[in-house]
Amino acid sequence: MLRNRVKELRARHSYSQSDLGKLVGATRQTIGMIEKGDYAPSVLLALKIAKALKVDLEEVFWIEGEDEE
């Protein structure tokens, strides 16, 4: 299952869901669904979110239960 820290990282930048959505070309509803884990973003959208939040992709999204190397 794909997990994420979008809500936490978004709050660090004081972005609303709408603010982040505008930065990455998504709707507020899409950002909300990603935060709740109800929607897995495309690779392109995930990369855009990480860039907007100024972190590496792996700091935002990870697969639960995947062994760390």
N, C-alpha and C. Protein backbone atom coordinates (compact mmCIF):
# COMPACT_ATOMS: atom_id res chain seq x y z
N MET A 1 0.84 -1.19 0.00
CA MET A 1 0.00 0.00 0.00
C MET A 1 0.88 1.24 0.00
N LEU A 2 0.54 2.20 -0.82
CA LEU A 2 1.29 3.44 -0.92
C LEU A 2 0.92 4.36 0.25
N ARG A 3 1.93 4.81 0.95
CA ARG A 3 1.73 5.75 2.07
C ARG A 3 2.38 7.08 1.70
N ASN A 4 1.98 8.15 2.42
CA ASN A 4 2.55 9.46 2.11
C ASN A 4 2.54 10.39 3.31
N ARG A 5 3.34 11.43 3.18
CA ARG A 5 3.43 12.49 4.19
C ARG A 5 3.03 13.84 3.60
N VAL A 6 2.17 13.83 2.60
CA VAL A 6 1.81 15.06 1.90
C VAL A 6 1.22 16.09 2.87
N LYS A 7 0.29 15.68 3.70
CA LYS A 7 -0.37 16.62 4.61
C LYS A 7 0.64 17.27 5.55
N GLU A 8 1.50 16.46 6.14
CA GLU A 8 2.51 16.97 7.07
C GLU A 8 3.47 17.95 6.37
N LEU A 9 3.97 17.56 5.22
CA LEU A 9 4.92 18.41 4.50
C LEU A 9 4.25 19.66 3.94
N ARG A 10 3.01 19.53 3.52
CA ARG A 10 2.25 20.68 3.04
C ARG A 10 2.08 21.71 4.15
N ALA A 11 1.80 21.24 5.36
CA ALA A 11 1.62 22.13 6.51
C ALA A 11 2.91 22.90 6.84
N ARG A 12 4.06 22.26 6.65
CA ARG A 12 5.35 22.92 6.90
C ARG A 12 5.52 24.17 6.04
N HIS A 13 4.94 24.14 4.85
CA HIS A 13 5.04 25.27 3.93
C HIS A 13 3.82 26.19 4.02
N SER A 14 2.92 25.88 4.93
CA SER A 14 1.68 26.65 5.10
C SER A 14 0.86 26.71 3.82
N TYR A 15 0.88 25.60 3.05
CA TYR A 15 0.07 25.50 1.84
C TYR A 15 -1.27 24.89 2.19
N SER A 16 -2.32 25.42 1.60
CA SER A 16 -3.62 24.75 1.67
C SER A 16 -3.61 23.65 0.61
N GLN A 17 -4.61 22.80 0.64
CA GLN A 17 -4.72 21.79 -0.41
C GLN A 17 -4.85 22.46 -1.78
N SER A 18 -5.58 23.56 -1.83
CA SER A 18 -5.74 24.30 -3.09
C SER A 18 -4.42 24.89 -3.56
N ASP A 19 -3.64 25.44 -2.62
CA ASP A 19 -2.33 26.01 -2.97
C ASP A 19 -1.44 24.95 -3.61
N LEU A 20 -1.34 23.80 -2.96
CA LEU A 20 -0.49 22.73 -3.49
C LEU A 20 -1.03 22.24 -4.83
N GLY A 21 -2.33 22.11 -4.92
CA GLY A 21 -2.94 21.69 -6.17
C GLY A 21 -2.58 22.61 -7.32
N LYS A 22 -2.63 23.92 -7.07
CA LYS A 22 -2.28 24.88 -8.12
C LYS A 22 -0.82 24.75 -8.53
N LEU A 23 0.05 24.50 -7.55
CA LEU A 23 1.48 24.36 -7.85
C LEU A 23 1.78 23.14 -8.72
N VAL A 24 0.98 22.09 -8.56
CA VAL A 24 1.28 20.83 -9.26
C VAL A 24 0.29 20.50 -10.37
N GLY A 25 -0.68 21.36 -10.59
CA GLY A 25 -1.66 21.13 -11.65
C GLY A 25 -2.71 20.08 -11.32
N ALA A 26 -3.13 20.07 -10.06
CA ALA A 26 -4.16 19.13 -9.60
C ALA A 26 -5.24 19.91 -8.85
N THR A 27 -6.36 19.27 -8.62
CA THR A 27 -7.43 19.91 -7.86
C THR A 27 -7.23 19.72 -6.36
N ARG A 28 -7.93 20.54 -5.60
CA ARG A 28 -7.92 20.41 -4.14
C ARG A 28 -8.42 19.02 -3.75
N GLN A 29 -9.42 18.55 -4.46
CA GLN A 29 -10.00 17.24 -4.16
C GLN A 29 -8.97 16.12 -4.38
N THR A 30 -8.18 16.23 -5.44
CA THR A 30 -7.15 15.22 -5.71
C THR A 30 -6.12 15.21 -4.59
N ILE A 31 -5.67 16.39 -4.17
CA ILE A 31 -4.68 16.46 -3.08
C ILE A 31 -5.27 15.84 -1.82
N GLY A 32 -6.53 16.14 -1.52
CA GLY A 32 -7.18 15.56 -0.34
C GLY A 32 -7.25 14.04 -0.41
N MET A 33 -7.58 13.52 -1.58
CA MET A 33 -7.66 12.06 -1.75
C MET A 33 -6.29 11.41 -1.62
N ILE A 34 -5.25 12.07 -2.12
CA ILE A 34 -3.89 11.55 -1.97
C ILE A 34 -3.52 11.51 -0.49
N GLU A 35 -3.80 12.59 0.22
CA GLU A 35 -3.47 12.66 1.65
C GLU A 35 -4.15 11.56 2.45
N LYS A 36 -5.39 11.24 2.10
CA LYS A 36 -6.13 10.19 2.81
C LYS A 36 -5.75 8.78 2.37
N GLY A 37 -4.97 8.69 1.31
CA GLY A 37 -4.58 7.38 0.80
C GLY A 37 -5.64 6.74 -0.09
N ASP A 38 -6.62 7.55 -0.52
CA ASP A 38 -7.69 7.04 -1.38
C ASP A 38 -7.33 7.08 -2.86
N TYR A 39 -6.20 7.72 -3.18
CA TYR A 39 -5.79 7.88 -4.57
C TYR A 39 -4.28 7.82 -4.66
N ALA A 40 -3.77 6.98 -5.54
CA ALA A 40 -2.33 6.89 -5.78
C ALA A 40 -2.01 7.77 -6.99
N PRO A 41 -1.19 8.79 -6.80
CA PRO A 41 -0.89 9.70 -7.90
C PRO A 41 -0.03 9.03 -8.97
N SER A 42 -0.08 9.58 -10.17
CA SER A 42 0.82 9.13 -11.23
C SER A 42 2.25 9.46 -10.81
N VAL A 43 3.20 8.85 -11.48
CA VAL A 43 4.61 9.15 -11.20
C VAL A 43 4.88 10.63 -11.42
N LEU A 44 4.35 11.17 -12.50
CA LEU A 44 4.56 12.58 -12.81
C LEU A 44 4.01 13.48 -11.71
N LEU A 45 2.79 13.22 -11.25
CA LEU A 45 2.19 14.03 -10.19
C LEU A 45 2.97 13.86 -8.89
N ALA A 46 3.39 12.66 -8.56
CA ALA A 46 4.17 12.43 -7.34
C ALA A 46 5.47 13.23 -7.38
N LEU A 47 6.13 13.24 -8.53
CA LEU A 47 7.38 14.00 -8.68
C LEU A 47 7.12 15.50 -8.53
N LYS A 48 6.02 15.98 -9.11
CA LYS A 48 5.67 17.39 -8.99
C LYS A 48 5.38 17.77 -7.54
N ILE A 49 4.70 16.90 -6.82
CA ILE A 49 4.39 17.15 -5.41
C ILE A 49 5.68 17.23 -4.60
N ALA A 50 6.57 16.28 -4.80
CA ALA A 50 7.85 16.29 -4.07
C ALA A 50 8.63 17.56 -4.36
N LYS A 51 8.67 17.96 -5.62
CA LYS A 51 9.39 19.18 -6.00
C LYS A 51 8.77 20.41 -5.34
N ALA A 52 7.44 20.49 -5.36
CA ALA A 52 6.75 21.63 -4.75
C ALA A 52 6.99 21.69 -3.24
N LEU A 53 7.15 20.52 -2.62
CA LEU A 53 7.38 20.45 -1.18
C LEU A 53 8.87 20.49 -0.83
N LYS A 54 9.72 20.56 -1.88
CA LYS A 54 11.17 20.72 -1.72
C LYS A 54 11.83 19.57 -0.97
N VAL A 55 11.38 18.35 -1.30
CA VAL A 55 11.97 17.15 -0.70
C VAL A 55 12.12 16.08 -1.78
N ASP A 56 12.90 15.05 -1.48
CA ASP A 56 13.02 13.92 -2.39
C ASP A 56 11.73 13.12 -2.40
N LEU A 57 11.47 12.47 -3.51
CA LEU A 57 10.25 11.68 -3.67
C LEU A 57 10.06 10.69 -2.53
N GLU A 58 11.15 10.04 -2.13
CA GLU A 58 11.07 9.01 -1.08
C GLU A 58 10.69 9.58 0.29
N GLU A 59 10.85 10.88 0.47
CA GLU A 59 10.45 11.51 1.72
C GLU A 59 8.95 11.77 1.77
N VAL A 60 8.31 11.72 0.60
CA VAL A 60 6.87 11.98 0.53
C VAL A 60 6.08 10.68 0.40
N PHE A 61 6.52 9.80 -0.48
CA PHE A 61 5.79 8.57 -0.78
C PHE A 61 6.65 7.34 -0.53
N TRP A 62 6.04 6.28 0.00
CA TRP A 62 6.72 5.01 0.16
C TRP A 62 5.69 3.88 0.17
N ILE A 63 6.17 2.68 -0.07
CA ILE A 63 5.29 1.52 -0.06
C ILE A 63 5.37 0.89 1.33
N GLU A 64 4.25 0.79 2.00
CA GLU A 64 4.21 0.24 3.35
C GLU A 64 4.63 -1.23 3.32
N GLY A 65 5.49 -1.58 4.26
CA GLY A 65 5.92 -2.96 4.38
C GLY A 65 7.11 -3.30 3.51
N GLU A 66 7.56 -2.34 2.70
CA GLU A 66 8.73 -2.58 1.86
C GLU A 66 9.98 -2.53 2.72
N ASP A 67 10.82 -3.54 2.59
CA ASP A 67 12.04 -3.59 3.38
C ASP A 67 12.98 -2.48 2.98
N GLU A 68 13.57 -1.83 3.99
CA GLU A 68 14.55 -0.78 3.73
C GLU A 68 15.91 -1.44 3.52
N GLU A 69 16.63 -0.92 2.57
CA GLU A 69 17.97 -1.46 2.31
C GLU A 69 19.01 -0.59 2.90
